[in-house]
Amino acid sequence: MRAIVASNNPVRLSFLAALLADAGIETMVLDTHASILEGSIGAIPRRLMVATEDYDRARRVLREAGEC
């Protein structure tokens, strides 16, 4: 798995995950629990992950949407 985006904004991560899901690319958000443990002050960005074989296509989808 590779990180496609790191952000402190859960709404943006959800939107990007939806864009990728529409393109048939599965995602996973990592570091959610670490962010909650530190008090949700946003010091630890959450990472949106995709499978290594989907990484280039995912970058292209996000770039075409003006998100990367």
Protein backbone atom coordinates (compact mmCIF):
# COMPACT_ATOMS: atom_id res chain seq x y z
CA MET A 1 0.00 0.00 0.00
CA ARG A 2 1.08 3.55 -0.69
CA ALA A 3 -0.09 6.86 0.73
CA ILE A 4 -1.83 8.95 -1.90
CA VAL A 5 -2.72 11.90 0.38
CA ALA A 6 -2.05 12.92 3.97
CA SER A 7 -4.44 15.42 5.54
CA ASN A 8 -5.89 16.59 8.84
CA ASN A 9 -9.23 17.24 7.14
CA PRO A 10 -11.54 14.21 7.45
CA VAL A 11 -14.09 15.73 5.05
CA ARG A 12 -11.47 16.10 2.31
CA LEU A 13 -10.24 12.55 2.89
CA SER A 14 -13.80 11.27 2.61
CA PHE A 15 -14.32 13.21 -0.63
CA LEU A 16 -11.08 11.90 -2.14
CA ALA A 17 -11.96 8.35 -1.09
CA ALA A 18 -15.35 8.76 -2.82
CA LEU A 19 -13.65 10.00 -6.02
CA LEU A 20 -11.37 7.00 -6.02
CA ALA A 21 -14.22 4.59 -5.20
CA ASP A 22 -16.12 5.93 -8.23
CA ALA A 23 -13.06 4.98 -10.31
CA GLY A 24 -13.07 1.49 -8.80
CA ILE A 25 -10.05 2.08 -6.57
CA GLU A 26 -10.24 0.82 -2.99
CA THR A 27 -8.83 3.04 -0.24
CA MET A 28 -8.00 2.79 3.44
CA VAL A 29 -7.47 5.62 5.94
CA LEU A 30 -4.59 5.09 8.35
CA ASP A 31 -3.68 6.97 11.53
CA THR A 32 -7.29 7.72 12.50
CA HIS A 33 -6.87 6.23 15.95
CA ALA A 34 -3.55 7.99 16.52
CA SER A 35 -5.23 11.28 15.66
CA ILE A 36 -8.04 10.56 18.13
CA LEU A 37 -5.60 9.56 20.89
CA GLU A 38 -3.69 12.80 20.60
CA GLY A 39 -6.92 14.72 21.17
CA SER A 40 -8.00 15.35 17.58
CA ILE A 41 -6.05 18.61 17.46
CA GLY A 42 -4.78 17.72 14.02
CA ALA A 43 -1.12 17.19 14.86
CA ILE A 44 -1.07 13.76 13.19
CA PRO A 45 -2.36 13.77 9.62
CA ARG A 46 -4.40 10.80 8.47
CA ARG A 47 -3.15 8.97 5.39
CA LEU A 48 -5.34 7.87 2.50
CA MET A 49 -3.82 4.65 1.20
CA VAL A 50 -4.27 2.76 -2.06
CA ALA A 51 -2.84 -0.54 -3.28
CA THR A 52 0.58 -0.14 -4.88
CA GLU A 53 -0.73 -1.38 -8.22
CA ASP A 54 -3.49 1.30 -8.16
CA TYR A 55 -1.21 4.18 -7.16
CA ASP A 56 -0.53 5.64 -10.63
CA ARG A 57 -4.16 5.39 -11.67
CA ALA A 58 -5.27 6.94 -8.36
CA ARG A 59 -2.87 9.88 -8.84
CA ARG A 60 -4.27 10.38 -12.34
CA VAL A 61 -7.89 10.34 -11.06
CA LEU A 62 -7.11 12.90 -8.37
CA ARG A 63 -5.08 15.08 -10.75
CA GLU A 64 -7.92 15.10 -13.31
CA ALA A 65 -10.31 16.16 -10.53
CA GLY A 66 -7.94 19.01 -9.59
CA GLU A 67 -7.18 17.47 -6.21
CA CYS A 68 -3.50 16.63 -6.51
